[in-house]
Structure formats: structure tokens, C-alpha cells
Full PDB file with SEQRES, HELIX, SHEET, SSBOND, CRYST1, ORIGX, SCALE, CONECT and MASTER records, all heavy atoms in Angstrom:
SEQRES   1 A   31  ALA ASP ILE ARG THR GLY GLU GLY GLY LYS PRO ASP ARG          
SEQRES   2 A   31  SER VAL VAL ARG ASP ALA LEU GLY VAL GLY ILE ALA VAL          
SEQRES   3 A   31  GLY LEU SER GLY PHE                                          
HELIX    1 AA1 GLU A    7  GLY A    9  5                                   3    
HELIX    2 AA2 ASP A   12  GLY A   27  1                                  16    
HELIX    3 AA3 LEU A   28  GLY A   30  5                                   3    
CRYST1    1.000    1.000    1.000  90.00  90.00  90.00 P 1           1          
ORIGX1      1.000000  0.000000  0.000000        0.00000                         
ORIGX2      0.000000  1.000000  0.000000        0.00000                         
ORIGX3      0.000000  0.000000  1.000000        0.00000                         
SCALE1      1.000000  0.000000  0.000000        0.00000                         
SCALE2      0.000000  1.000000  0.000000        0.00000                         
SCALE3      0.000000  0.000000  1.000000        0.00000                         
ATOM      1  N   ALA A   1     -17.448  -1.931   4.603  1.00  0.00           N  
ATOM      2  CA  ALA A   1     -16.291  -2.688   4.096  1.00  0.00           C  
ATOM      3  C   ALA A   1     -16.235  -2.589   2.543  1.00  0.00           C  
ATOM      4  O   ALA A   1     -15.155  -2.497   1.959  1.00  0.00           O  
ATOM      5  CB  ALA A   1     -16.265  -4.192   4.566  1.00  0.00           C  
ATOM      6  N   ASP A   2     -17.500  -2.697   1.999  1.00  0.00           N  
ATOM      7  CA  ASP A   2     -17.541  -2.545   0.524  1.00  0.00           C  
ATOM      8  C   ASP A   2     -17.059  -1.188  -0.038  1.00  0.00           C  
ATOM      9  O   ASP A   2     -16.487  -1.073  -0.990  1.00  0.00           O  
ATOM     10  CB  ASP A   2     -18.912  -2.782  -0.050  1.00  0.00           C  
ATOM     11  CG  ASP A   2     -19.301  -4.247   0.228  1.00  0.00           C  
ATOM     12  OD1 ASP A   2     -18.476  -5.123   0.371  1.00  0.00           O  
ATOM     13  OD2 ASP A   2     -20.659  -4.520   0.278  1.00  0.00           O  
ATOM     14  N   ILE A   3     -17.421  -0.164   0.792  1.00  0.00           N  
ATOM     15  CA  ILE A   3     -17.007   1.222   0.377  1.00  0.00           C  
ATOM     16  C   ILE A   3     -15.450   1.371   0.528  1.00  0.00           C  
ATOM     17  O   ILE A   3     -14.849   2.036  -0.293  1.00  0.00           O  
ATOM     18  CB  ILE A   3     -17.728   2.240   1.232  1.00  0.00           C  
ATOM     19  CG1 ILE A   3     -19.210   2.175   0.995  1.00  0.00           C  
ATOM     20  CG2 ILE A   3     -17.254   3.676   1.008  1.00  0.00           C  
ATOM     21  CD1 ILE A   3     -20.075   3.121   1.939  1.00  0.00           C  
ATOM     22  N   ARG A   4     -14.877   0.674   1.523  1.00  0.00           N  
ATOM     23  CA  ARG A   4     -13.435   0.859   1.758  1.00  0.00           C  
ATOM     24  C   ARG A   4     -12.720  -0.010   0.768  1.00  0.00           C  
ATOM     25  O   ARG A   4     -11.472  -0.074   0.815  1.00  0.00           O  
ATOM     26  CB  ARG A   4     -13.114   0.423   3.190  1.00  0.00           C  
ATOM     27  CG  ARG A   4     -13.641   1.451   4.246  1.00  0.00           C  
ATOM     28  CD  ARG A   4     -13.032   1.119   5.559  1.00  0.00           C  
ATOM     29  NE  ARG A   4     -13.700   1.966   6.538  1.00  0.00           N  
ATOM     30  CZ  ARG A   4     -14.578   1.608   7.452  1.00  0.00           C  
ATOM     31  NH1 ARG A   4     -15.046   0.338   7.393  1.00  0.00           N  
ATOM     32  NH2 ARG A   4     -15.068   2.320   8.353  1.00  0.00           N  
ATOM     33  N   THR A   5     -13.348  -0.822  -0.013  1.00  0.00           N  
ATOM     34  CA  THR A   5     -12.567  -1.666  -0.966  1.00  0.00           C  
ATOM     35  C   THR A   5     -12.418  -0.980  -2.251  1.00  0.00           C  
ATOM     36  O   THR A   5     -13.437  -0.488  -2.826  1.00  0.00           O  
ATOM     37  CB  THR A   5     -13.351  -3.003  -1.186  1.00  0.00           C  
ATOM     38  OG1 THR A   5     -13.503  -3.621   0.144  1.00  0.00           O  
ATOM     39  CG2 THR A   5     -12.594  -3.979  -2.096  1.00  0.00           C  
ATOM     40  N   GLY A   6     -11.221  -0.914  -2.840  1.00  0.00           N  
ATOM     41  CA  GLY A   6     -10.974  -0.312  -4.067  1.00  0.00           C  
ATOM     42  C   GLY A   6     -11.568  -1.031  -5.223  1.00  0.00           C  
ATOM     43  O   GLY A   6     -12.139  -2.119  -5.067  1.00  0.00           O  
ATOM     44  N   GLU A   7     -11.461  -0.486  -6.464  1.00  0.00           N  
ATOM     45  CA  GLU A   7     -11.919  -1.100  -7.653  1.00  0.00           C  
ATOM     46  C   GLU A   7     -11.149  -2.486  -7.857  1.00  0.00           C  
ATOM     47  O   GLU A   7      -9.962  -2.591  -7.474  1.00  0.00           O  
ATOM     48  CB  GLU A   7     -11.664  -0.226  -8.870  1.00  0.00           C  
ATOM     49  CG  GLU A   7     -12.316   1.127  -8.813  1.00  0.00           C  
ATOM     50  CD  GLU A   7     -11.414   2.165  -8.048  1.00  0.00           C  
ATOM     51  OE1 GLU A   7     -10.504   1.686  -7.392  1.00  0.00           O  
ATOM     52  OE2 GLU A   7     -11.631   3.375  -8.296  1.00  0.00           O  
ATOM     53  N   GLY A   8     -11.887  -3.430  -8.415  1.00  0.00           N  
ATOM     54  CA  GLY A   8     -11.277  -4.726  -8.658  1.00  0.00           C  
ATOM     55  C   GLY A   8     -11.164  -5.626  -7.417  1.00  0.00           C  
ATOM     56  O   GLY A   8     -10.490  -6.526  -7.331  1.00  0.00           O  
ATOM     57  N   GLY A   9     -11.812  -5.094  -6.255  1.00  0.00           N  
ATOM     58  CA  GLY A   9     -11.823  -5.810  -5.086  1.00  0.00           C  
ATOM     59  C   GLY A   9     -10.595  -5.838  -4.257  1.00  0.00           C  
ATOM     60  O   GLY A   9     -10.379  -6.673  -3.372  1.00  0.00           O  
ATOM     61  N   LYS A  10      -9.702  -4.817  -4.467  1.00  0.00           N  
ATOM     62  CA  LYS A  10      -8.489  -4.722  -3.720  1.00  0.00           C  
ATOM     63  C   LYS A  10      -8.685  -3.731  -2.490  1.00  0.00           C  
ATOM     64  O   LYS A  10      -8.922  -2.606  -2.658  1.00  0.00           O  
ATOM     65  CB  LYS A  10      -7.400  -4.158  -4.650  1.00  0.00           C  
ATOM     66  CG  LYS A  10      -5.989  -4.276  -3.953  1.00  0.00           C  
ATOM     67  CD  LYS A  10      -4.818  -3.884  -4.952  1.00  0.00           C  
ATOM     68  CE  LYS A  10      -3.527  -4.095  -4.322  1.00  0.00           C  
ATOM     69  NZ  LYS A  10      -2.422  -3.878  -5.251  1.00  0.00           N  
ATOM     70  N   PRO A  11      -8.592  -4.242  -1.338  1.00  0.00           N  
ATOM     71  CA  PRO A  11      -8.907  -3.355  -0.126  1.00  0.00           C  
ATOM     72  C   PRO A  11      -7.811  -2.332   0.033  1.00  0.00           C  
ATOM     73  O   PRO A  11      -6.702  -2.449  -0.406  1.00  0.00           O  
ATOM     74  CB  PRO A  11      -8.711  -4.509   1.106  1.00  0.00           C  
ATOM     75  CG  PRO A  11      -8.885  -5.801   0.453  1.00  0.00           C  
ATOM     76  CD  PRO A  11      -8.314  -5.617  -0.974  1.00  0.00           C  
ATOM     77  N   ASP A  12      -8.245  -1.244   0.652  1.00  0.00           N  
ATOM     78  CA  ASP A  12      -7.280  -0.136   0.907  1.00  0.00           C  
ATOM     79  C   ASP A  12      -6.081  -0.493   1.769  1.00  0.00           C  
ATOM     80  O   ASP A  12      -5.036  -0.050   1.509  1.00  0.00           O  
ATOM     81  CB  ASP A  12      -8.054   1.001   1.631  1.00  0.00           C  
ATOM     82  CG  ASP A  12      -9.103   1.672   0.701  1.00  0.00           C  
ATOM     83  OD1 ASP A  12      -9.096   1.397  -0.475  1.00  0.00           O  
ATOM     84  OD2 ASP A  12      -9.915   2.489   1.212  1.00  0.00           O  
ATOM     85  N   ARG A  13      -6.382  -1.499   2.741  1.00  0.00           N  
ATOM     86  CA  ARG A  13      -5.341  -1.952   3.626  1.00  0.00           C  
ATOM     87  C   ARG A  13      -4.201  -2.588   2.769  1.00  0.00           C  
ATOM     88  O   ARG A  13      -3.005  -2.487   3.094  1.00  0.00           O  
ATOM     89  CB  ARG A  13      -5.795  -2.882   4.616  1.00  0.00           C  
ATOM     90  CG  ARG A  13      -4.774  -3.481   5.550  1.00  0.00           C  
ATOM     91  CD  ARG A  13      -5.466  -4.399   6.583  1.00  0.00           C  
ATOM     92  NE  ARG A  13      -6.470  -3.886   7.390  1.00  0.00           N  
ATOM     93  CZ  ARG A  13      -7.207  -4.536   8.324  1.00  0.00           C  
ATOM     94  NH1 ARG A  13      -6.988  -5.748   8.483  1.00  0.00           N  
ATOM     95  NH2 ARG A  13      -8.072  -3.811   8.980  1.00  0.00           N  
ATOM     96  N   SER A  14      -4.593  -3.371   1.749  1.00  0.00           N  
ATOM     97  CA  SER A  14      -3.572  -4.007   0.908  1.00  0.00           C  
ATOM     98  C   SER A  14      -2.754  -3.010   0.062  1.00  0.00           C  
ATOM     99  O   SER A  14      -1.575  -3.178  -0.065  1.00  0.00           O  
ATOM    100  CB  SER A  14      -4.357  -4.981  -0.022  1.00  0.00           C  
ATOM    101  OG  SER A  14      -3.401  -5.588  -0.916  1.00  0.00           O  
ATOM    102  N   VAL A  15      -3.468  -2.004  -0.417  1.00  0.00           N  
ATOM    103  CA  VAL A  15      -2.776  -0.939  -1.178  1.00  0.00           C  
ATOM    104  C   VAL A  15      -1.779  -0.193  -0.295  1.00  0.00           C  
ATOM    105  O   VAL A  15      -0.664   0.074  -0.634  1.00  0.00           O  
ATOM    106  CB  VAL A  15      -3.831   0.087  -1.786  1.00  0.00           C  
ATOM    107  CG1 VAL A  15      -3.096   1.208  -2.569  1.00  0.00           C  
ATOM    108  CG2 VAL A  15      -4.739  -0.605  -2.745  1.00  0.00           C  
ATOM    109  N   VAL A  16      -2.216   0.160   0.924  1.00  0.00           N  
ATOM    110  CA  VAL A  16      -1.321   0.904   1.883  1.00  0.00           C  
ATOM    111  C   VAL A  16      -0.097   0.015   2.285  1.00  0.00           C  
ATOM    112  O   VAL A  16       1.037   0.496   2.357  1.00  0.00           O  
ATOM    113  CB  VAL A  16      -2.085   1.282   3.134  1.00  0.00           C  
ATOM    114  CG1 VAL A  16      -1.197   1.856   4.226  1.00  0.00           C  
ATOM    115  CG2 VAL A  16      -3.196   2.264   2.749  1.00  0.00           C  
ATOM    116  N   ARG A  17      -0.379  -1.329   2.506  1.00  0.00           N  
ATOM    117  CA  ARG A  17       0.663  -2.218   2.891  1.00  0.00           C  
ATOM    118  C   ARG A  17       1.785  -2.256   1.756  1.00  0.00           C  
ATOM    119  O   ARG A  17       2.960  -2.133   1.975  1.00  0.00           O  
ATOM    120  CB  ARG A  17       0.145  -3.578   3.113  1.00  0.00           C  
ATOM    121  CG  ARG A  17       1.260  -4.628   3.531  1.00  0.00           C  
ATOM    122  CD  ARG A  17       0.674  -6.019   3.308  1.00  0.00           C  
ATOM    123  NE  ARG A  17       0.291  -6.340   2.031  1.00  0.00           N  
ATOM    124  CZ  ARG A  17      -0.770  -7.143   1.653  1.00  0.00           C  
ATOM    125  NH1 ARG A  17      -1.436  -7.696   2.586  1.00  0.00           N  
ATOM    126  NH2 ARG A  17      -1.005  -7.287   0.352  1.00  0.00           N  
ATOM    127  N   ASP A  18       1.386  -2.406   0.478  1.00  0.00           N  
ATOM    128  CA  ASP A  18       2.254  -2.504  -0.585  1.00  0.00           C  
ATOM    129  C   ASP A  18       2.985  -1.154  -0.823  1.00  0.00           C  
ATOM    130  O   ASP A  18       4.222  -1.165  -1.072  1.00  0.00           O  
ATOM    131  CB  ASP A  18       1.561  -2.872  -1.855  1.00  0.00           C  
ATOM    132  CG  ASP A  18       0.897  -4.244  -1.865  1.00  0.00           C  
ATOM    133  OD1 ASP A  18       1.294  -5.055  -0.953  1.00  0.00           O  
ATOM    134  OD2 ASP A  18      -0.029  -4.476  -2.645  1.00  0.00           O  
ATOM    135  N   ALA A  19       2.287  -0.062  -0.671  1.00  0.00           N  
ATOM    136  CA  ALA A  19       2.919   1.268  -0.887  1.00  0.00           C  
ATOM    137  C   ALA A  19       3.969   1.543   0.232  1.00  0.00           C  
ATOM    138  O   ALA A  19       5.062   1.991  -0.019  1.00  0.00           O  
ATOM    139  CB  ALA A  19       1.843   2.342  -0.856  1.00  0.00           C  
ATOM    140  N   LEU A  20       3.613   1.188   1.488  1.00  0.00           N  
ATOM    141  CA  LEU A  20       4.595   1.356   2.598  1.00  0.00           C  
ATOM    142  C   LEU A  20       5.823   0.456   2.342  1.00  0.00           C  
ATOM    143  O   LEU A  20       6.971   0.881   2.676  1.00  0.00           O  
ATOM    144  CB  LEU A  20       3.939   1.107   3.840  1.00  0.00           C  
ATOM    145  CG  LEU A  20       3.019   2.128   4.425  1.00  0.00           C  
ATOM    146  CD1 LEU A  20       2.303   1.608   5.711  1.00  0.00           C  
ATOM    147  CD2 LEU A  20       3.730   3.482   4.672  1.00  0.00           C  
ATOM    148  N   GLY A  21       5.579  -0.747   1.862  1.00  0.00           N  
ATOM    149  CA  GLY A  21       6.709  -1.562   1.576  1.00  0.00           C  
ATOM    150  C   GLY A  21       7.712  -1.030   0.638  1.00  0.00           C  
ATOM    151  O   GLY A  21       8.949  -1.102   0.818  1.00  0.00           O  
ATOM    152  N   VAL A  22       7.182  -0.430  -0.472  1.00  0.00           N  
ATOM    153  CA  VAL A  22       8.068   0.227  -1.407  1.00  0.00           C  
ATOM    154  C   VAL A  22       8.745   1.522  -0.834  1.00  0.00           C  
ATOM    155  O   VAL A  22       9.891   1.702  -0.991  1.00  0.00           O  
ATOM    156  CB  VAL A  22       7.234   0.571  -2.718  1.00  0.00           C  
ATOM    157  CG1 VAL A  22       8.070   1.452  -3.653  1.00  0.00           C  
ATOM    158  CG2 VAL A  22       6.772  -0.615  -3.452  1.00  0.00           C  
ATOM    159  N   GLY A  23       7.971   2.335  -0.068  1.00  0.00           N  
ATOM    160  CA  GLY A  23       8.525   3.477   0.398  1.00  0.00           C  
ATOM    161  C   GLY A  23       9.637   3.239   1.398  1.00  0.00           C  
ATOM    162  O   GLY A  23      10.614   3.979   1.404  1.00  0.00           O  
ATOM    163  N   ILE A  24       9.434   2.200   2.259  1.00  0.00           N  
ATOM    164  CA  ILE A  24      10.539   1.968   3.311  1.00  0.00           C  
ATOM    165  C   ILE A  24      11.685   1.324   2.702  1.00  0.00           C  
ATOM    166  O   ILE A  24      12.811   1.741   2.987  1.00  0.00           O  
ATOM    167  CB  ILE A  24       9.884   1.017   4.433  1.00  0.00           C  
ATOM    168  CG1 ILE A  24       8.820   1.805   5.122  1.00  0.00           C  
ATOM    169  CG2 ILE A  24      10.966   0.632   5.296  1.00  0.00           C  
ATOM    170  CD1 ILE A  24       8.045   0.892   6.048  1.00  0.00           C  
ATOM    171  N   ALA A  25      11.457   0.418   1.781  1.00  0.00           N  
ATOM    172  CA  ALA A  25      12.649  -0.284   1.099  1.00  0.00           C  
ATOM    173  C   ALA A  25      13.505   0.682   0.367  1.00  0.00           C  
ATOM    174  O   ALA A  25      14.732   0.632   0.491  1.00  0.00           O  
ATOM    175  CB  ALA A  25      12.097  -1.402   0.255  1.00  0.00           C  
ATOM    176  N   VAL A  26      12.873   1.542  -0.481  1.00  0.00           N  
ATOM    177  CA  VAL A  26      13.696   2.487  -1.249  1.00  0.00           C  
ATOM    178  C   VAL A  26      14.183   3.682  -0.395  1.00  0.00           C  
ATOM    179  O   VAL A  26      15.213   4.135  -0.694  1.00  0.00           O  
ATOM    180  CB  VAL A  26      12.786   2.951  -2.450  1.00  0.00           C  
ATOM    181  CG1 VAL A  26      13.662   4.021  -3.241  1.00  0.00           C  
ATOM    182  CG2 VAL A  26      12.398   1.809  -3.343  1.00  0.00           C  
ATOM    183  N   GLY A  27      13.425   4.098   0.595  1.00  0.00           N  
ATOM    184  CA  GLY A  27      13.742   5.280   1.407  1.00  0.00           C  
ATOM    185  C   GLY A  27      14.998   4.923   2.131  1.00  0.00           C  
ATOM    186  O   GLY A  27      15.806   5.924   2.440  1.00  0.00           O  
ATOM    187  N   LEU A  28      15.329   3.692   2.442  1.00  0.00           N  
ATOM    188  CA  LEU A  28      16.556   3.428   3.227  1.00  0.00           C  
ATOM    189  C   LEU A  28      17.823   3.750   2.432  1.00  0.00           C  
ATOM    190  O   LEU A  28      18.866   3.922   2.960  1.00  0.00           O  
ATOM    191  CB  LEU A  28      16.538   1.968   3.681  1.00  0.00           C  
ATOM    192  CG  LEU A  28      15.486   1.637   4.787  1.00  0.00           C  
ATOM    193  CD1 LEU A  28      15.536   0.130   5.088  1.00  0.00           C  
ATOM    194  CD2 LEU A  28      15.802   2.443   6.084  1.00  0.00           C  
ATOM    195  N   SER A  29      17.660   3.641   1.100  1.00  0.00           N  
ATOM    196  CA  SER A  29      18.886   3.898   0.196  1.00  0.00           C  
ATOM    197  C   SER A  29      19.261   5.397   0.339  1.00  0.00           C  
ATOM    198  O   SER A  29      20.308   5.734  -0.294  1.00  0.00           O  
ATOM    199  CB  SER A  29      18.580   3.498  -1.233  1.00  0.00           C  
ATOM    200  OG  SER A  29      17.454   4.311  -1.748  1.00  0.00           O  
ATOM    201  N   GLY A  30      18.540   6.225   1.014  1.00  0.00           N  
ATOM    202  CA  GLY A  30      18.955   7.600   1.201  1.00  0.00           C  
ATOM    203  C   GLY A  30      20.243   7.676   2.058  1.00  0.00           C  
ATOM    204  O   GLY A  30      20.973   8.673   1.948  1.00  0.00           O  
ATOM    205  N   PHE A  31      20.446   6.600   2.829  1.00  0.00           N  
ATOM    206  CA  PHE A  31      21.766   6.552   3.599  1.00  0.00           C  
ATOM    207  C   PHE A  31      22.926   6.606   2.581  1.00  0.00           C  
ATOM    208  O   PHE A  31      23.874   7.316   2.803  1.00  0.00           O  
ATOM    209  CB  PHE A  31      21.824   5.251   4.310  1.00  0.00           C  
ATOM    210  CG  PHE A  31      21.126   5.315   5.682  1.00  0.00           C  
ATOM    211  CD1 PHE A  31      19.947   4.541   5.860  1.00  0.00           C  
ATOM    212  CD2 PHE A  31      21.479   6.164   6.683  1.00  0.00           C  
ATOM    213  CE1 PHE A  31      19.265   4.528   7.123  1.00  0.00           C  
ATOM    214  CE2 PHE A  31      20.852   6.149   7.952  1.00  0.00           C  
ATOM    215  CZ  PHE A  31      19.729   5.311   8.113  1.00  0.00           C  
TER     216      PHE A  31                                                      
MASTER        0    0    0    3    0    0    0    6  215    1    0    3          
END                                                                             
């Protein structure tokens, strides 16, 4: 779990969640 945690104590899961939120929200404006 320590290895999977990014610098500053931010887990990879949190980074992926935030990134997907931005990608989906903005991607819909392609309509």
C-alpha cells in the first residue's frame, strides 16, 4: 500500500478518481 501511494501521501486511487472526473465532465462537451 505504501508503494502504491504517491508522493505527499496521495493514493493512486484518489489521483485516478480526480482525473476521471475531469475527463468525463469535459469530454461530454464534445456533443
